[in-house]
Amino acid sequence: MNYETLMNALLEKYMTKKTFSFWIALNNTINSPWDKPTSSTGKYHQKEDGYVPSIAEHTYEMLYSLINIHSIFGVNKNSKELDLLILGVVMHDIVKYGNENDNKHTDTKHDKLIADRILDKKETFLKIFNEEEVDILIEMVRYHTGRWSTDAKKDFDFKDFHPYVMFLHTLDMLSSRNCLKVGVI
């Protein structure tokens, strides 16, 4: 199954046209991580048979779940608010193997790498979102690994962040622990 294709089909269906076009352009500027395993050692993200999914499969699981439960935030399909949640999901592991996705192993600081990259390109993201929304996106990806995040302080607490941060972390944890049920929408 081609999870990158499934993922992009969901994105096209649920994102605004402007943000979907932005995503396609953005995705074309990176060395693709999608076929790489979510765990370079095979120690994490295992399915019941020991199989380790690709980053595309992992991201699709999270995206599929988001699409099915986004109403908890009172956001609508094809809205800027849903675009923000979706971009957090699809971007959280986009540099998991380093800025060029050419590392042999996953980069334990990939949360910081992607957040800093968005921050460096903030003007580009401001073409889609306002300042507060871009800051939320940066916060989502920077802290998607929760208390284990590179920039997390010892007293890390989700109450100090936008609710989308914990939501993204929860989806990531559920997928990595093989707790998400997926299908094709």
N, C-alpha and C. Protein backbone atom coordinates (compact mmCIF):
# COMPACT_ATOMS: atom_id res chain seq x y z
N MET A 1 0.84 -1.17 0.00
CA MET A 1 0.00 0.00 0.00
C MET A 1 0.89 1.24 0.00
N ASN A 2 0.57 2.22 -0.82
CA ASN A 2 1.36 3.45 -0.87
C ASN A 2 0.74 4.48 0.08
N TYR A 3 1.32 4.58 1.26
CA TYR A 3 0.78 5.47 2.28
C TYR A 3 0.97 6.94 1.96
N GLU A 4 2.01 7.27 1.22
CA GLU A 4 2.18 8.67 0.83
C GLU A 4 1.04 9.11 -0.08
N THR A 5 0.63 8.24 -0.99
CA THR A 5 -0.48 8.54 -1.88
C THR A 5 -1.78 8.66 -1.09
N LEU A 6 -2.01 7.71 -0.15
CA LEU A 6 -3.20 7.77 0.70
C LEU A 6 -3.21 9.05 1.54
N MET A 7 -2.06 9.39 2.07
CA MET A 7 -1.93 10.59 2.88
C MET A 7 -2.28 11.83 2.06
N ASN A 8 -1.71 11.95 0.88
CA ASN A 8 -1.98 13.12 0.05
C ASN A 8 -3.43 13.19 -0.41
N ALA A 9 -4.08 12.04 -0.59
CA ALA A 9 -5.50 12.04 -0.94
C ALA A 9 -6.33 12.61 0.22
N LEU A 10 -5.99 12.24 1.44
CA LEU A 10 -6.69 12.81 2.60
C LEU A 10 -6.43 14.30 2.72
N LEU A 11 -5.19 14.70 2.51
CA LEU A 11 -4.85 16.11 2.60
C LEU A 11 -5.65 16.93 1.58
N GLU A 12 -5.72 16.44 0.37
CA GLU A 12 -6.45 17.16 -0.67
C GLU A 12 -7.93 17.26 -0.34
N LYS A 13 -8.48 16.23 0.27
CA LYS A 13 -9.91 16.20 0.60
C LYS A 13 -10.24 17.09 1.80
N TYR A 14 -9.35 17.18 2.78
CA TYR A 14 -9.68 17.84 4.04
C TYR A 14 -9.03 19.20 4.26
N MET A 15 -8.02 19.54 3.48
CA MET A 15 -7.37 20.85 3.62
C MET A 15 -8.03 21.86 2.69
N THR A 16 -7.81 23.14 3.00
CA THR A 16 -8.22 24.17 2.06
C THR A 16 -7.32 24.05 0.82
N LYS A 17 -7.81 24.50 -0.30
CA LYS A 17 -7.03 24.41 -1.54
C LYS A 17 -5.70 25.15 -1.42
N LYS A 18 -5.73 26.32 -0.80
CA LYS A 18 -4.52 27.12 -0.65
C LYS A 18 -3.46 26.39 0.18
N THR A 19 -3.88 25.81 1.30
CA THR A 19 -2.90 25.13 2.16
C THR A 19 -2.46 23.81 1.55
N PHE A 20 -3.34 23.12 0.83
CA PHE A 20 -2.93 21.90 0.16
C PHE A 20 -1.86 22.21 -0.89
N SER A 21 -2.04 23.27 -1.66
CA SER A 21 -1.03 23.68 -2.65
C SER A 21 0.28 24.03 -1.96
N PHE A 22 0.18 24.72 -0.83
CA PHE A 22 1.35 25.06 -0.02
C PHE A 22 2.06 23.78 0.41
N TRP A 23 1.30 22.79 0.89
CA TRP A 23 1.88 21.52 1.33
C TRP A 23 2.61 20.82 0.19
N ILE A 24 2.00 20.75 -0.98
CA ILE A 24 2.63 20.08 -2.13
C ILE A 24 3.96 20.75 -2.45
N ALA A 25 3.97 22.08 -2.48
CA ALA A 25 5.22 22.81 -2.76
C ALA A 25 6.25 22.54 -1.66
N LEU A 26 5.82 22.57 -0.42
CA LEU A 26 6.72 22.32 0.71
C LEU A 26 7.29 20.90 0.66
N ASN A 27 6.44 19.93 0.44
CA ASN A 27 6.86 18.53 0.39
C ASN A 27 7.86 18.29 -0.74
N ASN A 28 7.74 19.05 -1.81
CA ASN A 28 8.67 18.91 -2.94
C ASN A 28 10.03 19.52 -2.67
N THR A 29 10.16 20.29 -1.58
CA THR A 29 11.45 20.93 -1.27
C THR A 29 12.31 20.10 -0.33
N ILE A 30 11.78 18.99 0.17
CA ILE A 30 12.54 18.18 1.12
C ILE A 30 12.97 16.86 0.48
N ASN A 31 14.05 16.31 0.99
CA ASN A 31 14.40 14.94 0.63
C ASN A 31 13.40 14.05 1.35
N SER A 32 12.70 13.26 0.61
CA SER A 32 11.58 12.51 1.14
C SER A 32 11.97 11.55 2.27
N PRO A 33 11.25 11.66 3.40
CA PRO A 33 11.47 10.71 4.50
C PRO A 33 10.47 9.56 4.46
N TRP A 34 9.50 9.63 3.57
CA TRP A 34 8.29 8.81 3.67
C TRP A 34 8.54 7.31 3.65
N ASP A 35 9.51 6.82 2.91
CA ASP A 35 9.76 5.38 2.84
C ASP A 35 10.69 4.86 3.92
N LYS A 36 11.25 5.76 4.71
CA LYS A 36 12.18 5.35 5.78
C LYS A 36 11.40 4.79 6.97
N PRO A 37 11.99 3.86 7.70
CA PRO A 37 11.30 3.31 8.88
C PRO A 37 11.19 4.33 10.01
N THR A 38 10.12 4.27 10.78
CA THR A 38 9.94 5.19 11.89
C THR A 38 10.99 4.97 12.97
N SER A 39 11.54 3.79 13.03
CA SER A 39 12.61 3.48 13.99
C SER A 39 13.77 2.87 13.20
N SER A 40 14.89 3.54 13.20
CA SER A 40 16.05 3.04 12.44
C SER A 40 16.64 1.78 13.06
N THR A 41 16.44 1.59 14.35
CA THR A 41 16.97 0.40 15.03
C THR A 41 15.97 -0.74 15.06
N GLY A 42 14.71 -0.43 14.78
CA GLY A 42 13.65 -1.45 14.86
C GLY A 42 13.15 -1.67 16.27
N LYS A 43 13.66 -0.90 17.20
CA LYS A 43 13.29 -1.07 18.61
C LYS A 43 11.93 -0.44 18.94
N TYR A 44 11.57 0.61 18.23
CA TYR A 44 10.33 1.34 18.52
C TYR A 44 9.33 1.23 17.38
N HIS A 45 8.10 1.62 17.64
CA HIS A 45 7.03 1.68 16.64
C HIS A 45 6.63 0.32 16.08
N GLN A 46 6.95 -0.76 16.76
CA GLN A 46 6.66 -2.09 16.21
C GLN A 46 5.17 -2.41 16.21
N LYS A 47 4.75 -3.10 15.16
CA LYS A 47 3.41 -3.68 15.09
C LYS A 47 3.46 -5.02 15.82
N GLU A 48 2.33 -5.69 15.96
CA GLU A 48 2.30 -6.93 16.73
C GLU A 48 3.22 -8.03 16.19
N ASP A 49 3.50 -7.99 14.89
CA ASP A 49 4.38 -9.00 14.30
C ASP A 49 5.85 -8.56 14.25
N GLY A 50 6.17 -7.41 14.87
CA GLY A 50 7.54 -6.91 14.88
C GLY A 50 7.88 -5.99 13.72
N TYR A 51 6.97 -5.86 12.78
CA TYR A 51 7.15 -4.99 11.62
C TYR A 51 7.22 -3.52 12.08
N VAL A 52 8.14 -2.76 11.51
CA VAL A 52 8.27 -1.33 11.81
C VAL A 52 7.77 -0.56 10.58
N PRO A 53 6.72 0.24 10.75
CA PRO A 53 6.15 0.96 9.61
C PRO A 53 7.06 2.09 9.11
N SER A 54 6.77 2.51 7.92
CA SER A 54 7.47 3.66 7.34
C SER A 54 6.93 4.94 7.99
N ILE A 55 7.65 6.03 7.79
CA ILE A 55 7.17 7.32 8.29
C ILE A 55 5.85 7.67 7.62
N ALA A 56 5.68 7.33 6.36
CA ALA A 56 4.41 7.60 5.67
C ALA A 56 3.26 6.83 6.31
N GLU A 57 3.48 5.56 6.63
CA GLU A 57 2.41 4.76 7.26
C GLU A 57 2.07 5.32 8.64
N HIS A 58 3.08 5.64 9.43
CA HIS A 58 2.89 6.22 10.76
C HIS A 58 2.13 7.54 10.66
N THR A 59 2.52 8.39 9.74
CA THR A 59 1.88 9.68 9.57
C THR A 59 0.45 9.50 9.08
N TYR A 60 0.23 8.54 8.19
CA TYR A 60 -1.13 8.26 7.70
C TYR A 60 -2.03 7.81 8.86
N GLU A 61 -1.51 6.96 9.75
CA GLU A 61 -2.31 6.52 10.91
C GLU A 61 -2.76 7.73 11.74
N MET A 62 -1.83 8.62 11.99
CA MET A 62 -2.14 9.81 12.78
C MET A 62 -3.14 10.71 12.04
N LEU A 63 -2.92 10.89 10.76
CA LEU A 63 -3.78 11.73 9.94
C LEU A 63 -5.19 11.14 9.85
N TYR A 64 -5.28 9.84 9.62
CA TYR A 64 -6.58 9.16 9.55
C TYR A 64 -7.35 9.36 10.86
N SER A 65 -6.65 9.23 11.98
CA SER A 65 -7.29 9.41 13.28
C SER A 65 -7.74 10.86 13.47
N LEU A 66 -6.87 11.80 13.12
CA LEU A 66 -7.22 13.21 13.21
C LEU A 66 -8.48 13.51 12.40
N ILE A 67 -8.53 13.04 11.18
CA ILE A 67 -9.67 13.30 10.30
C ILE A 67 -10.96 12.77 10.91
N ASN A 68 -10.87 11.66 11.60
CA ASN A 68 -12.07 11.06 12.19
C ASN A 68 -12.50 11.70 13.51
N ILE A 69 -11.61 12.41 14.18
CA ILE A 69 -11.99 12.98 15.48
C ILE A 69 -11.73 14.48 15.59
N HIS A 70 -11.43 15.16 14.50
CA HIS A 70 -11.13 16.59 14.59
C HIS A 70 -12.27 17.42 15.15
N SER A 71 -13.48 16.89 15.14
CA SER A 71 -14.63 17.63 15.67
C SER A 71 -14.50 17.91 17.17
N ILE A 72 -13.60 17.19 17.87
CA ILE A 72 -13.42 17.48 19.30
C ILE A 72 -12.96 18.92 19.51
N PHE A 73 -12.33 19.50 18.52
CA PHE A 73 -11.89 20.89 18.62
C PHE A 73 -12.89 21.86 18.01
N GLY A 74 -13.99 21.34 17.48
CA GLY A 74 -15.00 22.21 16.87
C GLY A 74 -14.52 22.85 15.58
N VAL A 75 -13.59 22.18 14.89
CA VAL A 75 -13.09 22.71 13.62
C VAL A 75 -13.75 21.96 12.47
N ASN A 76 -13.89 22.64 11.37
CA ASN A 76 -14.58 22.08 10.20
C ASN A 76 -13.60 21.61 9.14
N LYS A 77 -14.10 20.69 8.32
CA LYS A 77 -13.37 20.24 7.14
C LYS A 77 -13.08 21.47 6.27
N ASN A 78 -11.93 21.45 5.62
CA ASN A 78 -11.54 22.53 4.71
C ASN A 78 -11.53 23.90 5.40
N SER A 79 -10.98 23.92 6.60
CA SER A 79 -10.85 25.18 7.34
C SER A 79 -9.39 25.40 7.69
N LYS A 80 -9.06 26.65 7.93
CA LYS A 80 -7.70 27.00 8.32
C LYS A 80 -7.31 26.32 9.63
N GLU A 81 -8.27 26.16 10.52
CA GLU A 81 -8.00 25.51 11.81
C GLU A 81 -7.61 24.05 11.61
N LEU A 82 -8.35 23.35 10.74
CA LEU A 82 -8.01 21.95 10.46
C LEU A 82 -6.68 21.88 9.71
N ASP A 83 -6.44 22.84 8.82
CA ASP A 83 -5.15 22.89 8.12
C ASP A 83 -3.99 22.92 9.11
N LEU A 84 -4.14 23.69 10.17
CA LEU A 84 -3.09 23.81 11.18
C LEU A 84 -2.84 22.46 11.86
N LEU A 85 -3.90 21.79 12.26
CA LEU A 85 -3.76 20.47 12.88
C LEU A 85 -3.12 19.47 11.91
N ILE A 86 -3.59 19.49 10.67
CA ILE A 86 -3.07 18.57 9.67
C ILE A 86 -1.58 18.81 9.41
N LEU A 87 -1.19 20.07 9.26
CA LEU A 87 0.23 20.36 9.02
C LEU A 87 1.10 19.92 10.19
N GLY A 88 0.59 20.06 11.41
CA GLY A 88 1.34 19.57 12.56
C GLY A 88 1.59 18.08 12.45
N VAL A 89 0.57 17.34 12.05
CA VAL A 89 0.70 15.88 11.90
C VAL A 89 1.68 15.54 10.78
N VAL A 90 1.50 16.12 9.60
CA VAL A 90 2.34 15.71 8.47
C VAL A 90 3.77 16.22 8.56
N MET A 91 3.99 17.25 9.37
CA MET A 91 5.34 17.79 9.47
C MET A 91 6.12 17.27 10.68
N HIS A 92 5.47 16.61 11.62
CA HIS A 92 6.16 16.28 12.88
C HIS A 92 7.39 15.40 12.70
N ASP A 93 7.41 14.50 11.74
CA ASP A 93 8.56 13.62 11.51
C ASP A 93 9.21 13.86 10.14
N ILE A 94 8.95 14.99 9.54
CA ILE A 94 9.40 15.23 8.16
C ILE A 94 10.92 15.34 8.03
N VAL A 95 11.61 15.60 9.14
CA VAL A 95 13.09 15.59 9.13
C VAL A 95 13.60 14.62 10.19
N LYS A 96 12.93 13.50 10.32
CA LYS A 96 13.29 12.53 11.35
C LYS A 96 14.70 11.97 11.14
N TYR A 97 15.17 11.97 9.92
CA TYR A 97 16.52 11.48 9.62
C TYR A 97 17.47 12.64 9.33
N GLY A 98 17.24 13.77 9.97
CA GLY A 98 18.09 14.94 9.80
C GLY A 98 17.52 15.91 8.78
N ASN A 99 18.09 17.09 8.73
CA ASN A 99 17.57 18.15 7.84
C ASN A 99 17.49 17.72 6.38
N GLU A 100 18.38 16.85 5.96
CA GLU A 100 18.36 16.37 4.58
C GLU A 100 17.84 14.93 4.49
N ASN A 101 17.40 14.38 5.60
CA ASN A 101 16.93 12.99 5.67
C ASN A 101 17.95 12.01 5.11
N ASP A 102 19.23 12.31 5.37
CA ASP A 102 20.29 11.43 4.87
C ASP A 102 21.09 10.77 5.99
N ASN A 103 20.62 10.91 7.23
CA ASN A 103 21.29 10.23 8.34
C ASN A 103 21.00 8.73 8.28
N LYS A 104 21.92 7.94 8.78
CA LYS A 104 21.71 6.50 8.85
C LYS A 104 20.65 6.16 9.89
N HIS A 105 20.64 6.92 10.97
CA HIS A 105 19.69 6.69 12.06
C HIS A 105 18.81 7.91 12.27
N THR A 106 17.70 7.70 12.96
CA THR A 106 16.81 8.82 13.25
C THR A 106 17.54 9.83 14.14
N ASP A 107 17.19 11.07 13.94
CA ASP A 107 17.80 12.16 14.71
C ASP A 107 16.95 12.40 15.94
N THR A 108 17.52 12.22 17.11
CA THR A 108 16.75 12.38 18.35
C THR A 108 16.32 13.83 18.57
N LYS A 109 16.87 14.74 17.80
CA LYS A 109 16.50 16.15 17.92
C LYS A 109 15.64 16.61 16.74
N HIS A 110 14.96 15.66 16.08
CA HIS A 110 14.16 16.03 14.91
C HIS A 110 13.01 16.96 15.27
N ASP A 111 12.54 16.93 16.51
CA ASP A 111 11.48 17.84 16.96
C ASP A 111 11.97 19.29 16.90
N LYS A 112 13.16 19.50 17.40
CA LYS A 112 13.78 20.83 17.38
C LYS A 112 14.14 21.24 15.95
N LEU A 113 14.65 20.29 15.17
CA LEU A 113 15.04 20.60 13.78
C LEU A 113 13.88 21.15 12.98
N ILE A 114 12.72 20.49 13.04
CA ILE A 114 11.60 20.95 12.23
C ILE A 114 11.02 22.24 12.78
N ALA A 115 10.96 22.37 14.10
CA ALA A 115 10.45 23.62 14.69
C ALA A 115 11.33 24.81 14.29
N ASP A 116 12.64 24.62 14.38
CA ASP A 116 13.57 25.70 14.02
C ASP A 116 13.50 26.01 12.52
N ARG A 117 13.28 24.99 11.73
CA ARG A 117 13.17 25.18 10.28
C ARG A 117 11.93 26.02 9.94
N ILE A 118 10.81 25.71 10.60
CA ILE A 118 9.60 26.51 10.38
C ILE A 118 9.83 27.94 10.86
N LEU A 119 10.47 28.08 12.01
CA LEU A 119 10.77 29.40 12.55
C LEU A 119 11.65 30.20 11.57
N ASP A 120 12.64 29.55 10.98
CA ASP A 120 13.51 30.21 10.00
C ASP A 120 12.74 30.65 8.75
N LYS A 121 11.70 29.89 8.41
CA LYS A 121 10.89 30.18 7.21
C LYS A 121 9.53 30.77 7.59
N LYS A 122 9.47 31.41 8.73
CA LYS A 122 8.19 31.91 9.26
C LYS A 122 7.45 32.78 8.26
N GLU A 123 8.18 33.63 7.53
CA GLU A 123 7.54 34.51 6.54
C GLU A 123 6.77 33.71 5.50
N THR A 124 7.28 32.55 5.13
CA THR A 124 6.59 31.69 4.17
C THR A 124 5.29 31.16 4.77
N PHE A 125 5.35 30.72 6.02
CA PHE A 125 4.16 30.19 6.69
C PHE A 125 3.13 31.27 6.97
N LEU A 126 3.58 32.53 7.09
CA LEU A 126 2.66 33.65 7.31
C LEU A 126 1.82 33.95 6.06
N LYS A 127 2.14 33.33 4.94
CA LYS A 127 1.31 33.46 3.74
C LYS A 127 0.04 32.62 3.87
N ILE A 128 0.08 31.66 4.80
CA ILE A 128 -1.05 30.75 5.02
C ILE A 128 -1.75 31.04 6.35
N PHE A 129 -0.96 31.26 7.39
CA PHE A 129 -1.47 31.44 8.74
C PHE A 129 -1.10 32.80 9.30
N ASN A 130 -1.78 33.19 10.38
CA ASN A 130 -1.38 34.41 11.07
C ASN A 130 -0.26 34.07 12.05
N GLU A 131 0.29 35.08 12.69
CA GLU A 131 1.44 34.91 13.59
C GLU A 131 1.16 33.90 14.70
N GLU A 132 0.01 34.01 15.33
CA GLU A 132 -0.33 33.10 16.43
C GLU A 132 -0.42 31.66 15.94
N GLU A 133 -1.01 31.45 14.78
CA GLU A 133 -1.15 30.10 14.24
C GLU A 133 0.21 29.50 13.88
N VAL A 134 1.09 30.30 13.32
CA VAL A 134 2.44 29.80 13.01
C VAL A 134 3.15 29.42 14.31
N ASP A 135 2.99 30.24 15.33
CA ASP A 135 3.61 29.92 16.63
C ASP A 135 3.05 28.62 17.20
N ILE A 136 1.76 28.38 17.02
CA ILE A 136 1.15 27.12 17.48
C ILE A 136 1.74 25.94 16.71
N LEU A 137 1.88 26.08 15.40
CA LEU A 137 2.48 25.02 14.59
C LEU A 137 3.90 24.71 15.06
N ILE A 138 4.67 25.75 15.30
CA ILE A 138 6.04 25.56 15.79
C ILE A 138 6.02 24.83 17.13
N GLU A 139 5.14 25.25 18.01
CA GLU A 139 5.02 24.62 19.33
C GLU A 139 4.59 23.15 19.20
N MET A 140 3.66 22.88 18.28
CA MET A 140 3.19 21.50 18.07
C MET A 140 4.33 20.57 17.70
N VAL A 141 5.13 20.98 16.71
CA VAL A 141 6.19 20.08 16.25
C VAL A 141 7.37 20.07 17.22
N ARG A 142 7.64 21.20 17.85
CA ARG A 142 8.76 21.28 18.80
C ARG A 142 8.54 20.34 20.00
N TYR A 143 7.29 20.22 20.43
CA TYR A 143 7.00 19.43 21.63
C TYR A 143 6.16 18.18 21.33
N HIS A 144 6.23 17.69 20.09
CA HIS A 144 5.42 16.51 19.76
C HIS A 144 5.91 15.25 20.48
N THR A 145 7.09 15.29 21.03
CA THR A 145 7.58 14.14 21.80
C THR A 145 7.38 14.37 23.31
N GLY A 146 6.53 15.35 23.63
CA GLY A 146 6.15 15.57 25.02
C GLY A 146 7.32 15.88 25.93
N ARG A 147 7.33 15.25 27.09
CA ARG A 147 8.39 15.52 28.07
C ARG A 147 9.76 15.09 27.61
N TRP A 148 9.83 14.30 26.54
CA TRP A 148 11.11 13.86 25.99
C TRP A 148 11.61 14.81 24.89
N SER A 149 10.86 15.86 24.61
CA SER A 149 11.25 16.81 23.55
C SER A 149 12.59 17.45 23.86
N THR A 150 13.34 17.71 22.82
CA THR A 150 14.68 18.29 22.95
C THR A 150 14.66 19.57 23.79
N ASP A 151 13.68 20.43 23.57
CA ASP A 151 13.63 21.71 24.26
C ASP A 151 12.76 21.70 25.53
N ALA A 152 12.28 20.52 25.93
CA ALA A 152 11.43 20.44 27.13
C ALA A 152 12.27 20.70 28.39
N LYS A 153 11.70 21.50 29.26
CA LYS A 153 12.35 21.77 30.54
C LYS A 153 11.96 20.67 31.54
N LYS A 154 12.68 20.59 32.64
CA LYS A 154 12.42 19.53 33.64
C LYS A 154 11.00 19.57 34.16
N ASP A 155 10.41 20.75 34.25
CA ASP A 155 9.06 20.88 34.77
C ASP A 155 8.01 20.91 33.64
N PHE A 156 8.31 20.26 32.52
CA PHE A 156 7.43 20.25 31.36
C PHE A 156 6.01 19.83 31.76
N ASP A 157 5.03 20.60 31.28
CA ASP A 157 3.63 20.30 31.56
C ASP A 157 2.80 20.78 30.38
N PHE A 158 1.95 19.91 29.85
CA PHE A 158 1.14 20.28 28.69
C PHE A 158 0.22 21.45 28.96
N LYS A 159 -0.11 21.71 30.22
CA LYS A 159 -1.00 22.84 30.52
C LYS A 159 -0.37 24.17 30.13
N ASP A 160 0.94 24.18 29.92
CA ASP A 160 1.64 25.40 29.53
C ASP A 160 1.62 25.65 28.02
N PHE A 161 0.95 24.76 27.27
CA PHE A 161 0.97 24.83 25.82
C PHE A 161 -0.45 24.81 25.25
N HIS A 162 -0.54 25.14 24.00
CA HIS A 162 -1.82 25.06 23.28
C HIS A 162 -2.29 23.61 23.29
N PRO A 163 -3.60 23.36 23.39
CA PRO A 163 -4.12 21.98 23.41
C PRO A 163 -3.69 21.13 22.21
N TYR A 164 -3.42 21.74 21.07
CA TYR A 164 -3.00 20.99 19.89
C TYR A 164 -1.68 20.26 20.13
N VAL A 165 -0.84 20.79 21.02
CA VAL A 165 0.46 20.17 21.31
C VAL A 165 0.25 18.79 21.94
N MET A 166 -0.58 18.73 22.95
CA MET A 166 -0.84 17.44 23.60
C MET A 166 -1.57 16.49 22.65
N PHE A 167 -2.46 17.05 21.83
CA PHE A 167 -3.19 16.23 20.88
C PHE A 167 -2.23 15.55 19.90
N LEU A 168 -1.29 16.32 19.35
CA LEU A 168 -0.31 15.75 18.42
C LEU A 168 0.55 14.71 19.13
N HIS A 169 0.98 15.01 20.33
CA HIS A 169 1.79 14.05 21.09
C HIS A 169 1.00 12.77 21.35
N THR A 170 -0.26 12.91 21.69
CA THR A 170 -1.10 11.73 21.96
C THR A 170 -1.25 10.88 20.71
N LEU A 171 -1.54 11.49 19.58
CA LEU A 171 -1.64 10.72 18.33
C LEU A 171 -0.33 10.01 18.02
N ASP A 172 0.78 10.69 18.22
CA ASP A 172 2.09 10.12 17.95
C ASP A 172 2.34 8.92 18.87
N MET A 173 2.03 9.08 20.14
CA MET A 173 2.22 7.98 21.10
C MET A 173 1.31 6.79 20.76
N LEU A 174 0.06 7.06 20.45
CA LEU A 174 -0.87 5.98 20.11
C LEU A 174 -0.40 5.21 18.87
N SER A 175 0.08 5.93 17.88
CA SER A 175 0.59 5.26 16.68
C SER A 175 1.84 4.46 17.00
N SER A 176 2.75 5.06 17.75
CA SER A 176 4.02 4.37 18.05
C SER A 176 3.80 3.14 18.92
N ARG A 177 2.70 3.10 19.64
CA ARG A 177 2.38 1.95 20.50
C ARG A 177 1.37 1.00 19.86
N ASN A 178 1.13 1.22 18.56
CA ASN A 178 0.25 0.37 17.78
C ASN A 178 -1.19 0.34 18.33
N CYS A 179 -1.69 1.50 18.69
CA CYS A 179 -3.01 1.60 19.29
C CYS A 179 -4.04 2.29 18.38
N LEU A 180 -3.67 2.63 17.15
CA LEU A 180 -4.59 3.31 16.27
C LEU A 180 -5.17 2.35 15.24
N LYS A 181 -6.45 2.48 14.99
CA LYS A 181 -7.13 1.70 13.97
C LYS A 181 -7.27 2.58 12.73
N VAL A 182 -6.86 2.05 11.60
CA VAL A 182 -6.93 2.86 10.39
C VAL A 182 -7.65 2.11 9.26
N GLY A 183 -8.10 2.90 8.34
CA GLY A 183 -8.74 2.38 7.14
C GLY A 183 -8.45 3.37 6.03
N VAL A 184 -9.29 3.38 5.03
CA VAL A 184 -9.15 4.31 3.92
C VAL A 184 -10.42 5.13 3.86
N ILE A 185 -10.25 6.45 3.83
CA ILE A 185 -11.41 7.34 3.74
C ILE A 185 -11.63 7.70 2.29
